[in-house]
Amino acid sequence: MAAPKKSVAKESGQDKAGSPPEFSREQELKALRDMLLIRRFEEKAGQLYGMGAIGGFCHLYIGQEAVVVGMQMALKQGDEVITGYRDHGHMLACDMEARGVMAELTGRRGGYSRGKGGSMHMFSKEKHFYGGHGIVGAQVSLGTGLALAIDNSISMVSLLRNMEEFFARESCGWCTPCRDGLPWSVKILRALERGEGQAGDVETLLQLVGHLGPGKTFCAHAPGAVEPLGSAIKYFRSEFDAGVALQPAQALTA
């Protein structure tokens, strides 16, 4: 009988820098079972949707099973999870009951949102799963709030920089707000995070918020990125001002 493999990196660490962690046989079998559960569940959900038993939207997770299973195996006890609208696989990987997820999809009171949330809006505080959100990018600002609730010592500037980087990477990249506006905000936030911001940087961020906010541009992506930024500056202005260097620095050339 072959010797058991070493456990995942989070349990025993990696032998060589950069080498992928190895799984034990039990971990491999669990990962396979979890992925098969998600695939079979989604196949049945797709069938029921075609039959008209599931109303509204039904975004399936077929083909992405390994992503969420691997993510869950890397999480620590008590970590919170939040995601967008293609979320059935996340729920099952969080050990939420398949029966409860399917009940929600079919509009039954036994569902995780009592049949009123549907495919994109299920939650389980017990399993540390906070949705399922139908608006593109909505989970980013909500996830930021979750992070602050867990650890309020986190730098607000760092949180917003991380959020803006996400929106900049996920943007279309061709319209002016996405091509120029969001990367500009990221560059300024990086400088403020390093304490190398220049006088007027915070005002520039507020101007970007004003120009890219709801109703100010044809872009559907940029408003969701700058609204949280504007709110953060409004309520945590001192943290942003603290990132401005006493002497002018070539912060934006980095």
Protein backbone atom coordinates (compact mmCIF):
# COMPACT_ATOMS: atom_id res chain seq x y z
CA MET A 1 0.00 0.00 0.00
CA ALA A 2 1.37 3.39 -0.98
CA ALA A 3 2.34 5.80 1.76
CA PRO A 4 -0.21 8.58 2.30
CA LYS A 5 0.56 11.90 0.69
CA LYS A 6 1.26 14.99 2.70
CA SER A 7 -1.67 17.22 3.59
CA VAL A 8 -2.56 20.57 2.06
CA ALA A 9 -0.21 23.53 2.55
CA LYS A 10 -2.43 25.14 5.17
CA GLU A 11 -1.95 22.07 7.39
CA SER A 12 1.68 21.14 6.81
CA GLY A 13 3.20 23.81 4.59
CA GLN A 14 4.98 23.32 1.28
CA ASP A 15 8.19 21.37 0.86
CA LYS A 16 9.61 23.60 -1.85
CA ALA A 17 9.01 27.24 -2.54
CA GLY A 18 6.48 27.62 -5.32
CA SER A 19 5.64 23.90 -5.52
CA PRO A 20 1.95 23.02 -5.41
CA PRO A 21 0.70 21.48 -2.15
CA GLU A 22 -0.05 17.78 -2.14
CA PHE A 23 -3.32 16.29 -0.95
CA SER A 24 -3.94 13.22 1.13
CA ARG A 25 -6.15 10.50 -0.35
CA GLU A 26 -9.00 11.59 1.93
CA GLN A 27 -8.71 15.19 0.78
CA GLU A 28 -8.65 14.15 -2.86
CA LEU A 29 -11.76 12.03 -2.43
CA LYS A 30 -13.59 14.81 -0.59
CA ALA A 31 -12.69 17.31 -3.29
CA LEU A 32 -13.93 14.89 -5.96
CA ARG A 33 -17.20 14.29 -4.07
CA ASP A 34 -17.76 18.03 -3.63
CA MET A 35 -17.11 18.72 -7.31
CA LEU A 36 -19.41 15.90 -8.39
CA LEU A 37 -22.14 17.14 -6.07
CA ILE A 38 -21.96 20.61 -7.62
CA ARG A 39 -21.96 19.22 -11.18
CA ARG A 40 -24.91 16.88 -10.62
CA PHE A 41 -26.83 19.54 -8.71
CA GLU A 42 -26.36 22.08 -11.49
CA GLU A 43 -27.31 19.59 -14.17
CA LYS A 44 -30.58 18.96 -12.36
CA ALA A 45 -31.12 22.68 -11.78
CA GLY A 46 -30.65 23.32 -15.50
CA GLN A 47 -33.17 20.60 -16.29
CA LEU A 48 -35.73 22.04 -13.86
CA TYR A 49 -35.18 25.52 -15.25
CA GLY A 50 -35.93 24.26 -18.73
CA MET A 51 -39.11 22.66 -17.41
CA GLY A 52 -40.21 25.96 -15.87
CA ALA A 53 -39.90 24.76 -12.27
CA ILE A 54 -37.32 27.46 -11.49
CA GLY A 55 -38.34 31.06 -12.10
CA GLY A 56 -36.24 34.14 -12.66
CA PHE A 57 -32.54 33.81 -13.40
CA CYS A 58 -30.58 30.60 -12.96
CA HIS A 59 -26.82 31.04 -13.49
CA LEU A 60 -25.20 27.60 -13.36
CA TYR A 61 -21.72 26.86 -11.99
CA ILE A 62 -20.93 24.02 -14.40
CA GLY A 63 -17.26 23.99 -15.40
CA GLN A 64 -16.06 25.97 -12.36
CA GLU A 65 -16.43 23.30 -9.67
CA ALA A 66 -12.69 23.00 -8.99
CA VAL A 67 -12.37 26.75 -8.39
CA VAL A 68 -14.72 26.94 -5.43
CA VAL A 69 -13.72 23.57 -3.97
CA GLY A 70 -10.06 24.60 -4.00
CA MET A 71 -10.93 27.95 -2.47
CA GLN A 72 -12.88 26.34 0.35
CA MET A 73 -10.02 23.96 1.14
CA ALA A 74 -7.71 26.97 1.58
CA LEU A 75 -10.02 28.85 3.96
CA LYS A 76 -9.53 28.95 7.71
CA GLN A 77 -12.22 28.25 10.28
CA GLY A 78 -14.51 31.26 10.60
CA ASP A 79 -13.58 32.89 7.26
CA GLU A 80 -16.51 34.68 5.65
CA VAL A 81 -17.53 34.10 2.02
CA ILE A 82 -19.39 36.44 -0.31
CA THR A 83 -19.80 36.21 -4.07
CA GLY A 84 -21.76 37.41 -7.11
CA TYR A 85 -24.65 35.82 -8.94
CA ARG A 86 -23.19 32.48 -10.18
CA ASP A 87 -23.29 31.12 -6.69
CA HIS A 88 -24.88 27.67 -6.35
CA GLY A 89 -21.46 26.01 -6.29
CA HIS A 90 -20.30 28.31 -3.50
CA MET A 91 -23.27 27.37 -1.36
CA LEU A 92 -22.73 23.65 -1.78
CA ALA A 93 -18.98 23.99 -1.17
CA CYS A 94 -19.79 25.85 2.07
CA ASP A 95 -21.65 22.69 3.21
CA MET A 96 -25.05 24.32 2.84
CA GLU A 97 -27.68 21.63 2.35
CA ALA A 98 -28.38 20.81 -1.30
CA ARG A 99 -32.04 20.30 -0.39
CA GLY A 100 -32.27 23.84 1.02
CA VAL A 101 -30.56 25.36 -2.04
CA MET A 102 -32.87 23.53 -4.44
CA ALA A 103 -35.90 24.52 -2.34
CA GLU A 104 -34.87 28.14 -2.72
CA LEU A 105 -34.41 27.78 -6.47
CA THR A 106 -37.91 26.40 -6.80
CA GLY A 107 -39.48 29.05 -4.57
CA ARG A 108 -40.28 26.89 -1.54
CA ARG A 109 -40.43 28.07 2.05
CA GLY A 110 -37.81 25.50 3.01
CA GLY A 111 -35.22 27.42 1.01
CA TYR A 112 -32.40 29.42 2.56
CA SER A 113 -34.26 32.67 1.91
CA ARG A 114 -37.71 31.12 2.43
CA GLY A 115 -38.26 30.90 -1.30
CA LYS A 116 -38.08 34.66 -1.86
CA GLY A 117 -34.44 35.06 -2.91
CA GLY A 118 -34.08 32.63 -5.77
CA SER A 119 -30.87 31.75 -7.54
CA MET A 120 -28.86 34.84 -6.66
CA HIS A 121 -29.86 35.63 -3.07
CA MET A 122 -29.17 32.92 -0.50
CA PHE A 123 -27.46 33.34 2.82
CA SER A 124 -26.33 31.24 5.78
CA LYS A 125 -24.85 32.91 8.84
CA GLU A 126 -24.14 29.47 10.30
CA LYS A 127 -21.95 28.58 7.31
CA HIS A 128 -20.45 32.10 7.06
CA PHE A 129 -21.93 32.59 3.59
CA TYR A 130 -23.29 36.06 2.82
CA GLY A 131 -24.61 35.69 -0.74
CA GLY A 132 -25.23 35.60 -3.71
CA HIS A 133 -25.74 39.14 -5.13
CA GLY A 134 -27.36 39.94 -8.47
CA ILE A 135 -25.74 43.33 -9.10
CA VAL A 136 -22.33 43.09 -10.77
CA GLY A 137 -19.67 44.08 -8.24
CA ALA A 138 -22.14 44.54 -5.35
CA GLN A 139 -20.33 41.92 -3.29
CA VAL A 140 -17.10 43.91 -3.36
CA SER A 141 -18.26 46.77 -1.13
CA LEU A 142 -20.30 44.41 1.06
CA GLY A 143 -17.27 42.16 1.45
CA THR A 144 -15.28 45.22 2.48
CA GLY A 145 -17.84 45.88 5.19
CA LEU A 146 -17.54 42.28 6.36
CA ALA A 147 -13.78 42.66 6.59
CA LEU A 148 -14.14 45.80 8.70
CA ALA A 149 -16.65 44.07 10.97
CA ILE A 150 -14.12 41.30 11.57
CA ASP A 151 -11.07 43.53 11.99
CA ASN A 152 -11.63 47.28 12.25
CA SER A 153 -7.88 47.91 12.39
CA ILE A 154 -7.64 47.35 8.63
CA SER A 155 -6.56 50.45 6.75
CA MET A 156 -9.49 52.03 4.92
CA VAL A 157 -7.15 53.28 2.19
CA SER A 158 -5.83 49.73 1.64
CA LEU A 159 -9.35 48.35 1.49
CA LEU A 160 -10.43 50.91 -1.08
CA ARG A 161 -7.27 50.44 -3.12
CA ASN A 162 -7.95 46.70 -3.24
CA MET A 163 -11.57 47.33 -4.22
CA GLU A 164 -10.69 49.82 -6.96
CA GLU A 165 -8.06 47.45 -8.35
CA PHE A 166 -10.72 44.76 -8.62
CA PHE A 167 -13.06 47.06 -10.52
CA ALA A 168 -10.24 48.26 -12.78
CA ARG A 169 -9.23 44.69 -13.66
CA GLU A 170 -12.81 43.57 -14.28
CA SER A 171 -13.76 46.61 -16.36
CA CYS A 172 -14.33 46.58 -20.11
CA GLY A 173 -11.10 48.54 -20.61
CA TRP A 174 -12.26 50.43 -23.70
CA CYS A 175 -14.61 53.18 -22.53
CA THR A 176 -13.05 56.34 -21.09
CA PRO A 177 -14.19 55.78 -17.46
CA CYS A 178 -12.80 52.23 -17.42
CA ARG A 179 -9.68 52.94 -19.48
CA ASP A 180 -8.60 56.16 -17.77
CA GLY A 181 -10.70 56.95 -14.70
CA LEU A 182 -10.46 53.75 -12.66
CA PRO A 183 -6.71 53.15 -13.20
CA TRP A 184 -6.10 56.78 -12.19
CA SER A 185 -7.93 56.27 -8.91
CA VAL A 186 -5.90 53.10 -8.25
CA LYS A 187 -2.62 54.97 -8.86
CA ILE A 188 -3.58 57.72 -6.41
CA LEU A 189 -4.73 55.23 -3.77
CA ARG A 190 -1.46 53.30 -4.05
CA ALA A 191 0.46 56.50 -3.41
CA LEU A 192 -1.72 57.39 -0.40
CA GLU A 193 -1.30 53.86 0.94
CA ARG A 194 2.48 54.26 0.85
CA GLY A 195 2.28 57.68 2.49
CA GLU A 196 3.57 59.28 -0.71
CA GLY A 197 0.43 61.09 -1.83
CA GLN A 198 0.60 64.66 -3.11
CA ALA A 199 -1.40 67.63 -2.00
CA GLY A 200 -4.69 67.62 -3.84
CA ASP A 201 -4.81 63.85 -4.37
CA VAL A 202 -7.86 63.37 -2.14
CA GLU A 203 -9.67 66.20 -3.95
CA THR A 204 -8.80 64.54 -7.26
CA LEU A 205 -10.39 61.32 -6.04
CA LEU A 206 -13.52 63.23 -5.10
CA GLN A 207 -13.59 64.80 -8.56
CA LEU A 208 -13.39 61.34 -10.10
CA VAL A 209 -16.29 60.25 -7.91
CA GLY A 210 -18.29 63.24 -9.13
CA HIS A 211 -17.52 62.63 -12.80
CA LEU A 212 -17.98 58.83 -12.79
CA GLY A 213 -20.90 58.50 -10.37
CA PRO A 214 -24.46 57.36 -11.19
CA GLY A 215 -26.01 59.33 -14.03
CA LYS A 216 -22.72 61.03 -14.90
CA THR A 217 -21.47 58.58 -17.52
CA PHE A 218 -22.75 56.00 -19.98
CA CYS A 219 -20.56 53.36 -18.29
CA ALA A 220 -22.48 50.85 -16.16
CA HIS A 221 -19.33 49.69 -14.36
CA ALA A 222 -17.64 52.84 -13.08
CA PRO A 223 -20.47 54.09 -10.79
CA GLY A 224 -20.33 50.89 -8.74
CA ALA A 225 -16.60 51.41 -8.31
CA VAL A 226 -16.59 55.06 -7.23
CA GLU A 227 -19.66 55.18 -4.98
CA PRO A 228 -17.94 53.22 -2.15
CA LEU A 229 -14.84 55.37 -2.64
CA GLY A 230 -16.84 58.57 -2.21
CA SER A 231 -18.53 57.24 0.94
CA ALA A 232 -15.21 56.10 2.41
CA ILE A 233 -13.63 59.53 1.89
CA LYS A 234 -16.69 61.21 3.40
CA TYR A 235 -16.59 59.20 6.62
CA PHE A 236 -12.87 58.39 6.90
CA ARG A 237 -11.32 61.52 5.39
CA SER A 238 -8.55 61.69 7.98
CA GLU A 239 -7.18 58.29 6.92
CA PHE A 240 -6.89 59.45 3.32
CA ASP A 241 -5.36 62.80 4.32
CA ALA A 242 -2.77 60.92 6.40
CA GLY A 243 -1.38 59.39 3.20
CA VAL A 244 -0.30 62.77 1.82
CA ALA A 245 3.47 63.24 2.16
CA LEU A 246 4.78 66.37 3.91
CA GLN A 247 7.09 67.01 0.96
CA PRO A 248 6.02 66.63 -2.69
CA ALA A 249 6.91 63.18 -3.99
CA GLN A 250 6.89 61.65 -7.42
CA ALA A 251 4.20 59.24 -6.24
CA LEU A 252 2.21 58.92 -9.43
CA THR A 253 5.17 57.88 -11.58
CA ALA A 254 5.47 54.54 -9.80
